[in-house]
PDB file of N, CA and C in Angstrom:
ATOM      1  N   MET A   1       0.838  -1.170   0.000  1.00  0.00           N
ATOM      2  CA  MET A   1       0.000   0.000   0.000  1.00  0.00           C
ATOM      3  C   MET A   1       0.889   1.240   0.000  1.00  0.00           C
ATOM      4  N   LYS A   2       0.341   2.336  -0.508  1.00  0.00           N
ATOM      5  CA  LYS A   2       1.081   3.594  -0.540  1.00  0.00           C
ATOM      6  C   LYS A   2       0.895   4.317   0.784  1.00  0.00           C
ATOM      7  N   VAL A   3       1.990   4.813   1.341  1.00  0.00           N
ATOM      8  CA  VAL A   3       1.948   5.507   2.621  1.00  0.00           C
ATOM      9  C   VAL A   3       2.645   6.854   2.480  1.00  0.00           C
ATOM     10  N   LYS A   4       2.013   7.889   3.036  1.00  0.00           N
ATOM     11  CA  LYS A   4       2.634   9.203   3.084  1.00  0.00           C
ATOM     12  C   LYS A   4       2.461   9.745   4.494  1.00  0.00           C
ATOM     13  N   ILE A   5       3.584  10.038   5.158  1.00  0.00           N
ATOM     14  CA  ILE A   5       3.580  10.590   6.501  1.00  0.00           C
ATOM     15  C   ILE A   5       4.144  11.998   6.405  1.00  0.00           C
ATOM     16  N   THR A   6       3.316  12.984   6.769  1.00  0.00           N
ATOM     17  CA  THR A   6       3.751  14.371   6.670  1.00  0.00           C
ATOM     18  C   THR A   6       3.584  15.104   7.997  1.00  0.00           C
ATOM     19  N   LYS A   7       4.466  16.073   8.192  1.00  0.00           N
ATOM     20  CA  LYS A   7       4.370  17.041   9.285  1.00  0.00           C
ATOM     21  C   LYS A   7       3.970  18.360   8.622  1.00  0.00           C
ATOM     22  N   PRO A   8       3.556  19.352   9.395  1.00  0.00           N
ATOM     23  CA  PRO A   8       3.175  20.623   8.775  1.00  0.00           C
ATOM     24  C   PRO A   8       4.269  21.239   7.899  1.00  0.00           C
ATOM     25  N   ASP A   9       5.529  20.960   8.211  1.00  0.00           N
ATOM     26  CA  ASP A   9       6.624  21.594   7.471  1.00  0.00           C
ATOM     27  C   ASP A   9       7.485  20.648   6.639  1.00  0.00           C
ATOM     28  N   SER A  10       7.184  19.331   6.643  1.00  0.00           N
ATOM     29  CA  SER A  10       8.038  18.401   5.894  1.00  0.00           C
ATOM     30  C   SER A  10       7.339  17.056   5.690  1.00  0.00           C
ATOM     31  N   THR A  11       7.910  16.256   4.802  1.00  0.00           N
ATOM     32  CA  THR A  11       7.450  14.887   4.579  1.00  0.00           C
ATOM     33  C   THR A  11       8.432  13.945   5.267  1.00  0.00           C
ATOM     34  N   LEU A  12       7.930  13.093   6.167  1.00  0.00           N
ATOM     35  CA  LEU A  12       8.780  12.131   6.873  1.00  0.00           C
ATOM     36  C   LEU A  12       9.014  10.874   6.058  1.00  0.00           C
ATOM     37  N   TYR A  13       7.972  10.430   5.334  1.00  0.00           N
ATOM     38  CA  TYR A  13       8.094   9.189   4.556  1.00  0.00           C
ATOM     39  C   TYR A  13       7.068   9.209   3.429  1.00  0.00           C
ATOM     40  N   GLU A  14       7.470   8.726   2.274  1.00  0.00           N
ATOM     41  CA  GLU A  14       6.548   8.519   1.164  1.00  0.00           C
ATOM     42  C   GLU A  14       7.027   7.298   0.403  1.00  0.00           C
ATOM     43  N   GLY A  15       6.190   6.257   0.369  1.00  0.00           N
ATOM     44  CA  GLY A  15       6.582   5.022  -0.304  1.00  0.00           C
ATOM     45  C   GLY A  15       5.616   3.898   0.012  1.00  0.00           C
ATOM     46  N   GLU A  16       6.065   2.691  -0.249  1.00  0.00           N
ATOM     47  CA  GLU A  16       5.246   1.495  -0.043  1.00  0.00           C
ATOM     48  C   GLU A  16       5.489   0.902   1.340  1.00  0.00           C
ATOM     49  N   ALA A  17       4.470   0.250   1.876  1.00  0.00           N
ATOM     50  CA  ALA A  17       4.587  -0.443   3.156  1.00  0.00           C
ATOM     51  C   ALA A  17       3.647  -1.641   3.164  1.00  0.00           C
ATOM     52  N   ARG A  18       3.988  -2.637   3.979  1.00  0.00           N
ATOM     53  CA  ARG A  18       3.133  -3.817   4.140  1.00  0.00           C
ATOM     54  C   ARG A  18       2.252  -3.719   5.374  1.00  0.00           C
ATOM     55  N   LEU A  19       2.739  -3.006   6.401  1.00  0.00           N
ATOM     56  CA  LEU A  19       2.037  -2.959   7.681  1.00  0.00           C
ATOM     57  C   LEU A  19       2.329  -1.648   8.389  1.00  0.00           C
ATOM     58  N   LEU A  20       1.307  -1.074   9.003  1.00  0.00           N
ATOM     59  CA  LEU A  20       1.459   0.098   9.860  1.00  0.00           C
ATOM     60  C   LEU A  20       0.850  -0.216  11.214  1.00  0.00           C
ATOM     61  N   GLN A  21       1.594   0.039  12.280  1.00  0.00           N
ATOM     62  CA  GLN A  21       1.042  -0.033  13.631  1.00  0.00           C
ATOM     63  C   GLN A  21       0.992   1.399  14.150  1.00  0.00           C
ATOM     64  N   LEU A  22      -0.208   1.823  14.584  1.00  0.00           N
ATOM     65  CA  LEU A  22      -0.434   3.212  14.923  1.00  0.00           C
ATOM     66  C   LEU A  22      -0.964   3.375  16.349  1.00  0.00           C
ATOM     67  N   PRO A  23      -0.572   4.474  17.028  1.00  0.00           N
ATOM     68  CA  PRO A  23      -1.060   4.736  18.383  1.00  0.00           C
ATOM     69  C   PRO A  23      -2.379   5.515  18.351  1.00  0.00           C
ATOM     70  N   GLY A  24      -3.492   4.823  18.206  1.00  0.00           N
ATOM     71  CA  GLY A  24      -4.794   5.474  18.175  1.00  0.00           C
ATOM     72  C   GLY A  24      -5.199   5.995  19.540  1.00  0.00           C
ATOM     73  N   THR A  25      -6.091   6.961  19.568  1.00  0.00           N
ATOM     74  CA  THR A  25      -6.528   7.532  20.842  1.00  0.00           C
ATOM     75  C   THR A  25      -7.289   6.515  21.689  1.00  0.00           C
ATOM     76  N   ASP A  26      -7.890   5.502  21.068  1.00  0.00           N
ATOM     77  CA  ASP A  26      -8.598   4.443  21.799  1.00  0.00           C
ATOM     78  C   ASP A  26      -7.786   3.165  21.892  1.00  0.00           C
ATOM     79  N   GLY A  27      -6.500   3.230  21.554  1.00  0.00           N
ATOM     80  CA  GLY A  27      -5.625   2.061  21.598  1.00  0.00           C
ATOM     81  C   GLY A  27      -4.906   1.866  20.280  1.00  0.00           C
ATOM     82  N   SER A  28      -3.866   1.079  20.315  1.00  0.00           N
ATOM     83  CA  SER A  28      -3.069   0.822  19.106  1.00  0.00           C
ATOM     84  C   SER A  28      -3.866  -0.023  18.111  1.00  0.00           C
ATOM     85  N   PHE A  29      -3.599   0.204  16.821  1.00  0.00           N
ATOM     86  CA  PHE A  29      -4.231  -0.593  15.782  1.00  0.00           C
ATOM     87  C   PHE A  29      -3.302  -0.710  14.589  1.00  0.00           C
ATOM     88  N   GLU A  30      -3.618  -1.655  13.697  1.00  0.00           N
ATOM     89  CA  GLU A  30      -2.792  -1.911  12.519  1.00  0.00           C
ATOM     90  C   GLU A  30      -3.589  -1.671  11.245  1.00  0.00           C
ATOM     91  N   ILE A  31      -2.869  -1.272  10.210  1.00  0.00           N
ATOM     92  CA  ILE A  31      -3.433  -1.140   8.870  1.00  0.00           C
ATOM     93  C   ILE A  31      -2.567  -1.972   7.939  1.00  0.00           C
ATOM     94  N   MET A  32      -3.233  -2.827   7.154  1.00  0.00           N
ATOM     95  CA  MET A  32      -2.549  -3.650   6.157  1.00  0.00           C
ATOM     96  C   MET A  32      -3.225  -3.424   4.804  1.00  0.00           C
ATOM     97  N   ASN A  33      -2.706  -4.066   3.755  1.00  0.00           N
ATOM     98  CA  ASN A  33      -3.318  -3.969   2.427  1.00  0.00           C
ATOM     99  C   ASN A  33      -4.796  -4.314   2.493  1.00  0.00           C
ATOM    100  N   SER A  34      -5.587  -3.623   1.704  1.00  0.00           N
ATOM    101  CA  SER A  34      -7.021  -3.846   1.576  1.00  0.00           C
ATOM    102  C   SER A  34      -7.792  -3.593   2.863  1.00  0.00           C
ATOM    103  N   HIS A  35      -7.262  -2.759   3.739  1.00  0.00           N
ATOM    104  CA  HIS A  35      -7.959  -2.400   4.976  1.00  0.00           C
ATOM    105  C   HIS A  35      -9.219  -1.616   4.631  1.00  0.00           C
ATOM    106  N   ALA A  36     -10.255  -1.770   5.429  1.00  0.00           N
ATOM    107  CA  ALA A  36     -11.481  -0.990   5.243  1.00  0.00           C
ATOM    108  C   ALA A  36     -11.150   0.497   5.397  1.00  0.00           C
ATOM    109  N   PRO A  37     -11.878   1.367   4.712  1.00  0.00           N
ATOM    110  CA  PRO A  37     -11.630   2.803   4.860  1.00  0.00           C
ATOM    111  C   PRO A  37     -11.743   3.221   6.324  1.00  0.00           C
ATOM    112  N   ILE A  38     -10.845   4.121   6.740  1.00  0.00           N
ATOM    113  CA  ILE A  38     -10.820   4.559   8.131  1.00  0.00           C
ATOM    114  C   ILE A  38     -10.248   5.969   8.217  1.00  0.00           C
ATOM    115  N   ILE A  39     -10.774   6.730   9.148  1.00  0.00           N
ATOM    116  CA  ILE A  39     -10.194   8.007   9.563  1.00  0.00           C
ATOM    117  C   ILE A  39     -10.117   7.938  11.077  1.00  0.00           C
ATOM    118  N   SER A  40      -8.950   8.239  11.647  1.00  0.00           N
ATOM    119  CA  SER A  40      -8.789   8.109  13.090  1.00  0.00           C
ATOM    120  C   SER A  40      -7.804   9.145  13.619  1.00  0.00           C
ATOM    121  N   ALA A  41      -8.016   9.547  14.865  1.00  0.00           N
ATOM    122  CA  ALA A  41      -7.072  10.423  15.561  1.00  0.00           C
ATOM    123  C   ALA A  41      -5.956   9.572  16.157  1.00  0.00           C
ATOM    124  N   LEU A  42      -4.772  10.152  16.219  1.00  0.00           N
ATOM    125  CA  LEU A  42      -3.612   9.477  16.791  1.00  0.00           C
ATOM    126  C   LEU A  42      -3.132  10.236  18.013  1.00  0.00           C
ATOM    127  N   LYS A  43      -2.645   9.499  19.015  1.00  0.00           N
ATOM    128  CA  LYS A  43      -2.089  10.128  20.210  1.00  0.00           C
ATOM    129  C   LYS A  43      -0.571  10.039  20.167  1.00  0.00           C
ATOM    130  N   GLN A  44       0.065  10.593  21.154  1.00  0.00           N
ATOM    131  CA  GLN A  44       1.522  10.531  21.239  1.00  0.00           C
ATOM    132  C   GLN A  44       1.958   9.078  21.331  1.00  0.00           C
ATOM    133  N   GLY A  45       2.988   8.741  20.572  1.00  0.00           N
ATOM    134  CA  GLY A  45       3.490   7.373  20.565  1.00  0.00           C
ATOM    135  C   GLY A  45       4.412   7.151  19.386  1.00  0.00           C
ATOM    136  N   THR A  46       4.495   5.903  18.968  1.00  0.00           N
ATOM    137  CA  THR A  46       5.404   5.516  17.885  1.00  0.00           C
ATOM    138  C   THR A  46       4.637   4.849  16.755  1.00  0.00           C
ATOM    139  N   ILE A  47       4.888   5.310  15.531  1.00  0.00           N
ATOM    140  CA  ILE A  47       4.394   4.636  14.334  1.00  0.00           C
ATOM    141  C   ILE A  47       5.439   3.586  13.979  1.00  0.00           C
ATOM    142  N   ARG A  48       5.004   2.346  13.846  1.00  0.00           N
ATOM    143  CA  ARG A  48       5.895   1.255  13.429  1.00  0.00           C
ATOM    144  C   ARG A  48       5.424   0.820  12.053  1.00  0.00           C
ATOM    145  N   MET A  49       6.357   0.754  11.113  1.00  0.00           N
ATOM    146  CA  MET A  49       6.022   0.431   9.740  1.00  0.00           C
ATOM    147  C   MET A  49       6.952  -0.655   9.222  1.00  0.00           C
ATOM    148  N   ILE A  50       6.366  -1.652   8.551  1.00  0.00           N
ATOM    149  CA  ILE A  50       7.150  -2.670   7.853  1.00  0.00           C
ATOM    150  C   ILE A  50       7.066  -2.336   6.371  1.00  0.00           C
ATOM    151  N   VAL A  51       8.216  -2.037   5.776  1.00  0.00           N
ATOM    152  CA  VAL A  51       8.245  -1.665   4.360  1.00  0.00           C
ATOM    153  C   VAL A  51       8.357  -2.919   3.508  1.00  0.00           C
ATOM    154  N   GLU A  52       8.231  -2.753   2.211  1.00  0.00           N
ATOM    155  CA  GLU A  52       8.189  -3.878   1.279  1.00  0.00           C
ATOM    156  C   GLU A  52       9.393  -4.812   1.388  1.00  0.00           C
ATOM    157  N   GLU A  53      10.545  -4.275   1.723  1.00  0.00           N
ATOM    158  CA  GLU A  53      11.749  -5.109   1.816  1.00  0.00           C
ATOM    159  C   GLU A  53      11.808  -5.880   3.122  1.00  0.00           C
ATOM    160  N   GLY A  54      10.805  -5.719   3.988  1.00  0.00           N
ATOM    161  CA  GLY A  54      10.775  -6.404   5.268  1.00  0.00           C
ATOM    162  C   GLY A  54      11.474  -5.640   6.382  1.00  0.00           C
ATOM    163  N   GLN A  55      12.023  -4.472   6.072  1.00  0.00           N
ATOM    164  CA  GLN A  55      12.689  -3.658   7.082  1.00  0.00           C
ATOM    165  C   GLN A  55      11.657  -2.908   7.907  1.00  0.00           C
ATOM    166  N   GLU A  56      12.036  -2.585   9.145  1.00  0.00           N
ATOM    167  CA  GLU A  56      11.154  -1.841  10.027  1.00  0.00           C
ATOM    168  C   GLU A  56      11.615  -0.394  10.123  1.00  0.00           C
ATOM    169  N   LYS A  57      10.642   0.514  10.063  1.00  0.00           N
ATOM    170  CA  LYS A  57      10.915   1.938  10.267  1.00  0.00           C
ATOM    171  C   LYS A  57       9.999   2.410  11.393  1.00  0.00           C
ATOM    172  N   THR A  58      10.507   3.318  12.221  1.00  0.00           N
ATOM    173  CA  THR A  58       9.680   3.870  13.297  1.00  0.00           C
ATOM    174  C   THR A  58       9.760   5.393  13.274  1.00  0.00           C
ATOM    175  N   PHE A  59       8.666   6.008  13.712  1.00  0.00           N
ATOM    176  CA  PHE A  59       8.576   7.458  13.801  1.00  0.00           C
ATOM    177  C   PHE A  59       7.872   7.804  15.107  1.00  0.00           C
ATOM    178  N   ASP A  60       8.495   8.595  15.954  1.00  0.00           N
ATOM    179  CA  ASP A  60       7.868   9.064  17.186  1.00  0.00           C
ATOM    180  C   ASP A  60       7.039  10.297  16.859  1.00  0.00           C
ATOM    181  N   ILE A  61       5.791  10.306  17.332  1.00  0.00           N
ATOM    182  CA  ILE A  61       4.892  11.421  17.049  1.00  0.00           C
ATOM    183  C   ILE A  61       4.271  11.947  18.343  1.00  0.00           C
ATOM    184  N   ARG A  62       3.777  13.171  18.279  1.00  0.00           N
ATOM    185  CA  ARG A  62       3.073  13.775  19.416  1.00  0.00           C
ATOM    186  C   ARG A  62       1.561  13.718  19.237  1.00  0.00           C
ATOM    187  N   GLY A  63       1.092  13.252  18.091  1.00  0.00           N
ATOM    188  CA  GLY A  63      -0.331  13.141  17.780  1.00  0.00           C
ATOM    189  C   GLY A  63      -0.545  13.369  16.303  1.00  0.00           C
ATOM    190  N   GLY A  64      -1.803  13.239  15.861  1.00  0.00           N
ATOM    191  CA  GLY A  64      -2.102  13.467  14.457  1.00  0.00           C
ATOM    192  C   GLY A  64      -3.377  12.775  14.030  1.00  0.00           C
ATOM    193  N   VAL A  65      -3.528  12.608  12.714  1.00  0.00           N
ATOM    194  CA  VAL A  65      -4.682  11.925  12.135  1.00  0.00           C
ATOM    195  C   VAL A  65      -4.207  11.006  11.017  1.00  0.00           C
ATOM    196  N   VAL A  66      -5.000   9.950  10.771  1.00  0.00           N
ATOM    197  CA  VAL A  66      -4.703   9.023   9.683  1.00  0.00           C
ATOM    198  C   VAL A  66      -5.977   8.817   8.871  1.00  0.00           C
ATOM    199  N   LYS A  67      -5.793   8.701   7.553  1.00  0.00           N
ATOM    200  CA  LYS A  67      -6.891   8.395   6.641  1.00  0.00           C
ATOM    201  C   LYS A  67      -6.405   7.289   5.716  1.00  0.00           C
ATOM    202  N   ALA A  68      -7.189   6.211   5.621  1.00  0.00           N
ATOM    203  CA  ALA A  68      -6.819   5.094   4.747  1.00  0.00           C
ATOM    204  C   ALA A  68      -8.012   4.730   3.879  1.00  0.00           C
ATOM    205  N   GLN A  69      -7.746   4.584   2.586  1.00  0.00           N
ATOM    206  CA  GLN A  69      -8.772   4.101   1.653  1.00  0.00           C
ATOM    207  C   GLN A  69      -8.085   3.658   0.370  1.00  0.00           C
ATOM    208  N   ARG A  70      -8.606   2.604  -0.231  1.00  0.00           N
ATOM    209  CA  ARG A  70      -8.097   2.068  -1.504  1.00  0.00           C
ATOM    210  C   ARG A  70      -6.577   1.890  -1.512  1.00  0.00           C
ATOM    211  N   ASN A  71      -6.036   1.300  -0.446  1.00  0.00           N
ATOM    212  CA  ASN A  71      -4.597   1.020  -0.325  1.00  0.00           C
ATOM    213  C   ASN A  71      -3.725   2.273  -0.385  1.00  0.00           C
ATOM    214  N   GLU A  72      -4.295   3.405   0.017  1.00  0.00           N
ATOM    215  CA  GLU A  72      -3.534   4.639   0.167  1.00  0.00           C
ATOM    216  C   GLU A  72      -3.744   5.156   1.591  1.00  0.00           C
ATOM    217  N   VAL A  73      -2.652   5.361   2.311  1.00  0.00           N
ATOM    218  CA  VAL A  73      -2.719   5.809   3.704  1.00  0.00           C
ATOM    219  C   VAL A  73      -1.998   7.138   3.817  1.00  0.00           C
ATOM    220  N   SER A  74      -2.710   8.135   4.361  1.00  0.00           N
ATOM    221  CA  SER A  74      -2.128   9.461   4.584  1.00  0.00           C
ATOM    222  C   SER A  74      -2.140   9.753   6.075  1.00  0.00           C
ATOM    223  N   LEU A  75      -1.006  10.175   6.602  1.00  0.00           N
ATOM    224  CA  LEU A  75      -0.900  10.555   8.003  1.00  0.00           C
ATOM    225  C   LEU A  75      -0.387  11.976   8.079  1.00  0.00           C
ATOM    226  N   LEU A  76      -1.066  12.798   8.883  1.00  0.00           N
ATOM    227  CA  LEU A  76      -0.603  14.141   9.198  1.00  0.00           C
ATOM    228  C   LEU A  76      -0.298  14.118  10.677  1.00  0.00           C
ATOM    229  N   VAL A  77       0.973  14.309  11.021  1.00  0.00           N
ATOM    230  CA  VAL A  77       1.409  14.140  12.410  1.00  0.00           C
ATOM    231  C   VAL A  77       2.164  15.372  12.900  1.00  0.00           C
ATOM    232  N   GLN A  78       2.339  15.408  14.226  1.00  0.00           N
ATOM    233  CA  GLN A  78       3.124  16.471  14.862  1.00  0.00           C
ATOM    234  C   GLN A  78       4.387  15.867  15.423  1.00  0.00           C
TER     235      GLN A  78
END
């Protein structure tokens, strides 16, 4: 799936990923390929991402929002 993680002043990541683990305000959750459409608030925590090559990337955030639909995931974080 296509993933784009942006801050108000920069892009942290743009590319493909197999799995995203996100710190939702009601608890952690995962997004994988073909996930149902979702919009959710994020709390302070760590985004864990498994990219296509099987490598893990992490990003510490202070909060934000995520929108996923049709294998495209957009995150706006602080």
